[in-house]
């Protein structure tokens, strides 16, 4: 996860999913998912699961409006 930088890596590691995966001895994570279309003219979607507090901080830092 370090390739994502400290802010995103830390946010992922505070998620309940990450904590559960570590508690069962998991070495991989489902906190980061990507959907890549076969058509190269379309965008790739990347989804992150992050802890609530860190996620809220990210929303504020990125000036996103929660819906």
PDB file of N, CA and C in Angstrom:
ATOM      1  N   UNK A   1       0.808  -1.196   0.000  1.00  0.00           N
ATOM      2  CA  UNK A   1       0.000   0.000   0.000  1.00  0.00           C
ATOM      3  C   UNK A   1       0.851   1.260   0.000  1.00  0.00           C
ATOM      4  N   UNK A   2       2.110   1.149   0.333  1.00  0.00           N
ATOM      5  CA  UNK A   2       2.949   2.345   0.423  1.00  0.00           C
ATOM      6  C   UNK A   2       3.051   3.095  -0.902  1.00  0.00           C
ATOM      7  N   UNK A   3       2.822   2.416  -2.013  1.00  0.00           N
ATOM      8  CA  UNK A   3       2.888   3.095  -3.315  1.00  0.00           C
ATOM      9  C   UNK A   3       1.774   4.127  -3.471  1.00  0.00           C
ATOM     10  N   UNK A   4       0.757   4.073  -2.626  1.00  0.00           N
ATOM     11  CA  UNK A   4      -0.344   5.037  -2.679  1.00  0.00           C
ATOM     12  C   UNK A   4      -0.033   6.315  -1.914  1.00  0.00           C
ATOM     13  N   UNK A   5       1.066   6.335  -1.203  1.00  0.00           N
ATOM     14  CA  UNK A   5       1.403   7.491  -0.376  1.00  0.00           C
ATOM     15  C   UNK A   5       0.870   7.321   1.027  1.00  0.00           C
ATOM     16  N   UNK A   6       1.402   8.070   1.938  1.00  0.00           N
ATOM     17  CA  UNK A   6       1.060   7.939   3.354  1.00  0.00           C
ATOM     18  C   UNK A   6      -0.407   8.221   3.645  1.00  0.00           C
ATOM     19  N   UNK A   7      -0.979   9.247   3.042  1.00  0.00           N
ATOM     20  CA  UNK A   7      -2.360   9.627   3.343  1.00  0.00           C
ATOM     21  C   UNK A   7      -3.345   8.525   2.965  1.00  0.00           C
ATOM     22  N   UNK A   8      -3.281   8.019   1.733  1.00  0.00           N
ATOM     23  CA  UNK A   8      -4.219   6.976   1.300  1.00  0.00           C
ATOM     24  C   UNK A   8      -3.922   5.644   1.986  1.00  0.00           C
ATOM     25  N   UNK A   9      -2.649   5.319   2.135  1.00  0.00           N
ATOM     26  CA  UNK A   9      -2.278   4.064   2.792  1.00  0.00           C
ATOM     27  C   UNK A   9      -2.787   4.034   4.234  1.00  0.00           C
ATOM     28  N   UNK A  10      -2.601   5.122   4.937  1.00  0.00           N
ATOM     29  CA  UNK A  10      -3.068   5.220   6.322  1.00  0.00           C
ATOM     30  C   UNK A  10      -4.587   5.130   6.396  1.00  0.00           C
ATOM     31  N   UNK A  11      -5.272   5.778   5.463  1.00  0.00           N
ATOM     32  CA  UNK A  11      -6.738   5.748   5.448  1.00  0.00           C
ATOM     33  C   UNK A  11      -7.255   4.330   5.224  1.00  0.00           C
ATOM     34  N   UNK A  12      -6.625   3.603   4.314  1.00  0.00           N
ATOM     35  CA  UNK A  12      -7.018   2.209   4.060  1.00  0.00           C
ATOM     36  C   UNK A  12      -6.788   1.351   5.296  1.00  0.00           C
ATOM     37  N   UNK A  13      -5.652   1.544   5.938  1.00  0.00           N
ATOM     38  CA  UNK A  13      -5.305   0.712   7.091  1.00  0.00           C
ATOM     39  C   UNK A  13      -6.178   0.981   8.310  1.00  0.00           C
ATOM     40  N   UNK A  14      -6.971   2.047   8.285  1.00  0.00           N
ATOM     41  CA  UNK A  14      -7.909   2.294   9.389  1.00  0.00           C
ATOM     42  C   UNK A  14      -9.294   1.722   9.098  1.00  0.00           C
ATOM     43  N   UNK A  15      -9.471   1.129   7.913  1.00  0.00           N
ATOM     44  CA  UNK A  15     -10.790   0.575   7.570  1.00  0.00           C
ATOM     45  C   UNK A  15     -11.055  -0.720   8.331  1.00  0.00           C
ATOM     46  N   UNK A  16     -12.326  -0.993   8.550  1.00  0.00           N
ATOM     47  CA  UNK A  16     -12.721  -2.228   9.223  1.00  0.00           C
ATOM     48  C   UNK A  16     -12.343  -3.446   8.383  1.00  0.00           C
ATOM     49  N   UNK A  17     -12.439  -3.316   7.065  1.00  0.00           N
ATOM     50  CA  UNK A  17     -12.070  -4.414   6.163  1.00  0.00           C
ATOM     51  C   UNK A  17     -10.601  -4.785   6.356  1.00  0.00           C
ATOM     52  N   UNK A  18      -9.717  -3.786   6.355  1.00  0.00           N
ATOM     53  CA  UNK A  18      -8.276  -4.021   6.526  1.00  0.00           C
ATOM     54  C   UNK A  18      -8.011  -4.697   7.873  1.00  0.00           C
ATOM     55  N   UNK A  19      -8.622  -4.182   8.930  1.00  0.00           N
ATOM     56  CA  UNK A  19      -8.417  -4.746  10.269  1.00  0.00           C
ATOM     57  C   UNK A  19      -8.877  -6.200  10.321  1.00  0.00           C
ATOM     58  N   UNK A  20     -10.026  -6.491   9.709  1.00  0.00           N
ATOM     59  CA  UNK A  20     -10.532  -7.860   9.708  1.00  0.00           C
ATOM     60  C   UNK A  20      -9.592  -8.779   8.937  1.00  0.00           C
ATOM     61  N   UNK A  21      -9.146  -8.328   7.778  1.00  0.00           N
ATOM     62  CA  UNK A  21      -8.235  -9.141   6.960  1.00  0.00           C
ATOM     63  C   UNK A  21      -6.947  -9.454   7.715  1.00  0.00           C
ATOM     64  N   UNK A  22      -6.414  -8.488   8.444  1.00  0.00           N
ATOM     65  CA  UNK A  22      -5.196  -8.725   9.225  1.00  0.00           C
ATOM     66  C   UNK A  22      -5.486  -9.680  10.381  1.00  0.00           C
ATOM     67  N   UNK A  23      -6.679  -9.575  10.993  1.00  0.00           N
ATOM     68  CA  UNK A  23      -7.001 -10.420  12.147  1.00  0.00           C
ATOM     69  C   UNK A  23      -7.101 -11.899  11.785  1.00  0.00           C
ATOM     70  N   UNK A  24      -7.428 -12.194  10.513  1.00  0.00           N
ATOM     71  CA  UNK A  24      -7.506 -13.595  10.095  1.00  0.00           C
ATOM     72  C   UNK A  24      -6.223 -14.043   9.387  1.00  0.00           C
ATOM     73  N   UNK A  25      -5.188 -13.203   9.474  1.00  0.00           N
ATOM     74  CA  UNK A  25      -3.905 -13.560   8.893  1.00  0.00           C
ATOM     75  C   UNK A  25      -3.789 -13.296   7.408  1.00  0.00           C
ATOM     76  N   UNK A  26      -4.687 -12.485   6.882  1.00  0.00           N
ATOM     77  CA  UNK A  26      -4.664 -12.183   5.450  1.00  0.00           C
ATOM     78  C   UNK A  26      -3.433 -11.387   5.046  1.00  0.00           C
ATOM     79  N   UNK A  27      -2.906 -11.704   3.887  1.00  0.00           N
ATOM     80  CA  UNK A  27      -1.741 -10.999   3.354  1.00  0.00           C
ATOM     81  C   UNK A  27      -2.112 -10.091   2.183  1.00  0.00           C
ATOM     82  N   UNK A  28      -3.371 -10.179   1.752  1.00  0.00           N
ATOM     83  CA  UNK A  28      -3.867  -9.339   0.664  1.00  0.00           C
ATOM     84  C   UNK A  28      -5.069  -8.551   1.179  1.00  0.00           C
ATOM     85  N   UNK A  29      -5.590  -7.666   0.355  1.00  0.00           N
ATOM     86  CA  UNK A  29      -6.730  -6.865   0.794  1.00  0.00           C
ATOM     87  C   UNK A  29      -7.755  -6.679  -0.325  1.00  0.00           C
ATOM     88  N   UNK A  30      -8.995  -6.528   0.088  1.00  0.00           N
ATOM     89  CA  UNK A  30     -10.075  -6.152  -0.816  1.00  0.00           C
ATOM     90  C   UNK A  30     -10.424  -4.673  -0.621  1.00  0.00           C
ATOM     91  N   UNK A  31      -9.551  -3.932   0.060  1.00  0.00           N
ATOM     92  CA  UNK A  31      -9.788  -2.505   0.292  1.00  0.00           C
ATOM     93  C   UNK A  31      -9.518  -1.668  -0.947  1.00  0.00           C
ATOM     94  N   UNK A  32      -8.843  -2.235  -1.909  1.00  0.00           N
ATOM     95  CA  UNK A  32      -8.525  -1.528  -3.139  1.00  0.00           C
ATOM     96  C   UNK A  32      -9.001  -2.379  -4.305  1.00  0.00           C
ATOM     97  N   UNK A  33      -9.937  -1.844  -5.073  1.00  0.00           N
ATOM     98  CA  UNK A  33     -10.491  -2.556  -6.223  1.00  0.00           C
ATOM     99  C   UNK A  33     -10.415  -1.665  -7.453  1.00  0.00           C
ATOM    100  N   UNK A  34     -10.164  -2.285  -8.581  1.00  0.00           N
ATOM    101  CA  UNK A  34     -10.132  -1.544  -9.837  1.00  0.00           C
ATOM    102  C   UNK A  34     -10.974  -2.270 -10.874  1.00  0.00           C
ATOM    103  N   UNK A  35     -11.701  -1.508 -11.646  1.00  0.00           N
ATOM    104  CA  UNK A  35     -12.492  -2.058 -12.741  1.00  0.00           C
ATOM    105  C   UNK A  35     -11.977  -1.434 -14.033  1.00  0.00           C
ATOM    106  N   UNK A  36     -11.395  -2.274 -14.883  1.00  0.00           N
ATOM    107  CA  UNK A  36     -10.828  -1.792 -16.139  1.00  0.00           C
ATOM    108  C   UNK A  36     -11.649  -2.337 -17.303  1.00  0.00           C
ATOM    109  N   UNK A  37     -12.217  -1.455 -18.102  1.00  0.00           N
ATOM    110  CA  UNK A  37     -13.006  -1.903 -19.241  1.00  0.00           C
ATOM    111  C   UNK A  37     -12.097  -2.458 -20.342  1.00  0.00           C
ATOM    112  N   UNK A  38     -12.649  -3.296 -21.180  1.00  0.00           N
ATOM    113  CA  UNK A  38     -11.882  -3.819 -22.315  1.00  0.00           C
ATOM    114  C   UNK A  38     -11.610  -2.731 -23.342  1.00  0.00           C
ATOM    115  N   UNK A  39     -12.516  -1.771 -23.425  1.00  0.00           N
ATOM    116  CA  UNK A  39     -12.399  -0.677 -24.371  1.00  0.00           C
ATOM    117  C   UNK A  39     -11.439   0.379 -23.806  1.00  0.00           C
ATOM    118  N   UNK A  40     -10.301   0.573 -24.439  1.00  0.00           N
ATOM    119  CA  UNK A  40      -9.283   1.506 -23.945  1.00  0.00           C
ATOM    120  C   UNK A  40      -9.701   2.970 -24.018  1.00  0.00           C
ATOM    121  N   UNK A  41     -10.816   3.253 -24.653  1.00  0.00           N
ATOM    122  CA  UNK A  41     -11.280   4.637 -24.722  1.00  0.00           C
ATOM    123  C   UNK A  41     -12.104   5.009 -23.490  1.00  0.00           C
ATOM    124  N   UNK A  42     -12.371   4.037 -22.617  1.00  0.00           N
ATOM    125  CA  UNK A  42     -13.137   4.291 -21.400  1.00  0.00           C
ATOM    126  C   UNK A  42     -12.190   4.387 -20.205  1.00  0.00           C
ATOM    127  N   UNK A  43     -12.641   5.062 -19.174  1.00  0.00           N
ATOM    128  CA  UNK A  43     -11.830   5.244 -17.971  1.00  0.00           C
ATOM    129  C   UNK A  43     -11.857   4.006 -17.078  1.00  0.00           C
ATOM    130  N   UNK A  44     -10.833   3.895 -16.249  1.00  0.00           N
ATOM    131  CA  UNK A  44     -10.749   2.852 -15.232  1.00  0.00           C
ATOM    132  C   UNK A  44     -11.285   3.423 -13.924  1.00  0.00           C
ATOM    133  N   UNK A  45     -12.041   2.612 -13.204  1.00  0.00           N
ATOM    134  CA  UNK A  45     -12.584   3.022 -11.912  1.00  0.00           C
ATOM    135  C   UNK A  45     -11.765   2.352 -10.798  1.00  0.00           C
ATOM    136  N   UNK A  46     -11.337   3.161  -9.818  1.00  0.00           N
ATOM    137  CA  UNK A  46     -10.592   2.644  -8.667  1.00  0.00           C
ATOM    138  C   UNK A  46     -11.395   2.990  -7.419  1.00  0.00           C
ATOM    139  N   UNK A  47     -11.659   1.991  -6.585  1.00  0.00           N
ATOM    140  CA  UNK A  47     -12.464   2.158  -5.386  1.00  0.00           C
ATOM    141  C   UNK A  47     -11.616   1.803  -4.163  1.00  0.00           C
ATOM    142  N   UNK A  48     -11.671   2.658  -3.129  1.00  0.00           N
ATOM    143  CA  UNK A  48     -10.930   2.420  -1.894  1.00  0.00           C
ATOM    144  C   UNK A  48     -11.895   2.295  -0.725  1.00  0.00           C
ATOM    145  N   UNK A  49     -11.640   1.346   0.164  1.00  0.00           N
ATOM    146  CA  UNK A  49     -12.348   1.286   1.440  1.00  0.00           C
ATOM    147  C   UNK A  49     -11.413   1.902   2.466  1.00  0.00           C
ATOM    148  N   UNK A  50     -11.894   2.933   3.159  1.00  0.00           N
ATOM    149  CA  UNK A  50     -11.077   3.619   4.158  1.00  0.00           C
ATOM    150  C   UNK A  50     -11.867   3.761   5.450  1.00  0.00           C
ATOM    151  N   UNK A  51     -11.159   3.984   6.542  1.00  0.00           N
ATOM    152  CA  UNK A  51     -11.816   4.213   7.820  1.00  0.00           C
ATOM    153  C   UNK A  51     -12.627   5.502   7.785  1.00  0.00           C
ATOM    154  N   UNK A  52     -13.659   5.578   8.627  1.00  0.00           N
ATOM    155  CA  UNK A  52     -14.579   6.715   8.605  1.00  0.00           C
ATOM    156  C   UNK A  52     -13.874   8.040   8.868  1.00  0.00           C
ATOM    157  N   UNK A  53     -13.088   8.115   9.935  1.00  0.00           N
ATOM    158  CA  UNK A  53     -12.422   9.372  10.291  1.00  0.00           C
ATOM    159  C   UNK A  53     -11.445   9.817   9.214  1.00  0.00           C
ATOM    160  N   UNK A  54     -10.588   8.908   8.755  1.00  0.00           N
ATOM    161  CA  UNK A  54      -9.614   9.243   7.716  1.00  0.00           C
ATOM    162  C   UNK A  54     -10.322   9.572   6.404  1.00  0.00           C
ATOM    163  N   UNK A  55     -11.407   8.866   6.120  1.00  0.00           N
ATOM    164  CA  UNK A  55     -12.180   9.140   4.919  1.00  0.00           C
ATOM    165  C   UNK A  55     -12.800  10.527   4.953  1.00  0.00           C
ATOM    166  N   UNK A  56     -13.308  10.905   6.115  1.00  0.00           N
ATOM    167  CA  UNK A  56     -13.868  12.240   6.280  1.00  0.00           C
ATOM    168  C   UNK A  56     -12.792  13.300   6.069  1.00  0.00           C
ATOM    169  N   UNK A  57     -11.602  13.051   6.608  1.00  0.00           N
ATOM    170  CA  UNK A  57     -10.481  13.985   6.416  1.00  0.00           C
ATOM    171  C   UNK A  57     -10.117  14.101   4.935  1.00  0.00           C
ATOM    172  N   UNK A  58     -10.107  12.963   4.236  1.00  0.00           N
ATOM    173  CA  UNK A  58      -9.813  12.989   2.798  1.00  0.00           C
ATOM    174  C   UNK A  58     -10.840  13.820   2.036  1.00  0.00           C
ATOM    175  N   UNK A  59     -12.106  13.630   2.366  1.00  0.00           N
ATOM    176  CA  UNK A  59     -13.177  14.397   1.720  1.00  0.00           C
ATOM    177  C   UNK A  59     -12.946  15.891   1.923  1.00  0.00           C
ATOM    178  N   UNK A  60     -12.588  16.275   3.147  1.00  0.00           N
ATOM    179  CA  UNK A  60     -12.349  17.691   3.439  1.00  0.00           C
ATOM    180  C   UNK A  60     -11.104  18.202   2.722  1.00  0.00           C
ATOM    181  N   UNK A  61     -10.006  17.433   2.749  1.00  0.00           N
ATOM    182  CA  UNK A  61      -8.763  17.850   2.105  1.00  0.00           C
ATOM    183  C   UNK A  61      -8.917  17.986   0.591  1.00  0.00           C
ATOM    184  N   UNK A  62      -9.683  17.069  -0.006  1.00  0.00           N
ATOM    185  CA  UNK A  62      -9.888  17.102  -1.452  1.00  0.00           C
ATOM    186  C   UNK A  62     -11.031  18.039  -1.861  1.00  0.00           C
ATOM    187  N   UNK A  63     -11.662  18.635  -0.852  1.00  0.00           N
ATOM    188  CA  UNK A  63     -12.787  19.546  -1.052  1.00  0.00           C
ATOM    189  C   UNK A  63     -13.911  18.898  -1.852  1.00  0.00           C
ATOM    190  N   UNK A  64     -14.208  17.659  -1.479  1.00  0.00           N
ATOM    191  CA  UNK A  64     -15.322  16.930  -2.093  1.00  0.00           C
ATOM    192  C   UNK A  64     -16.574  17.164  -1.249  1.00  0.00           C
ATOM    193  N   UNK A  65     -17.721  17.079  -1.864  1.00  0.00           N
ATOM    194  CA  UNK A  65     -18.974  17.261  -1.154  1.00  0.00           C
ATOM    195  C   UNK A  65     -19.610  15.896  -0.963  1.00  0.00           C
ATOM    196  N   UNK A  66     -19.757  15.412   0.292  1.00  0.00           N
ATOM    197  CA  UNK A  66     -20.428  14.123   0.499  1.00  0.00           C
ATOM    198  C   UNK A  66     -21.886  14.199   0.093  1.00  0.00           C
ATOM    199  N   UNK A  67     -22.383  13.114  -0.500  1.00  0.00           N
ATOM    200  CA  UNK A  67     -23.766  13.095  -0.969  1.00  0.00           C
ATOM    201  C   UNK A  67     -24.550  12.070  -0.205  1.00  0.00           C
TER     202      UNK A  67
END
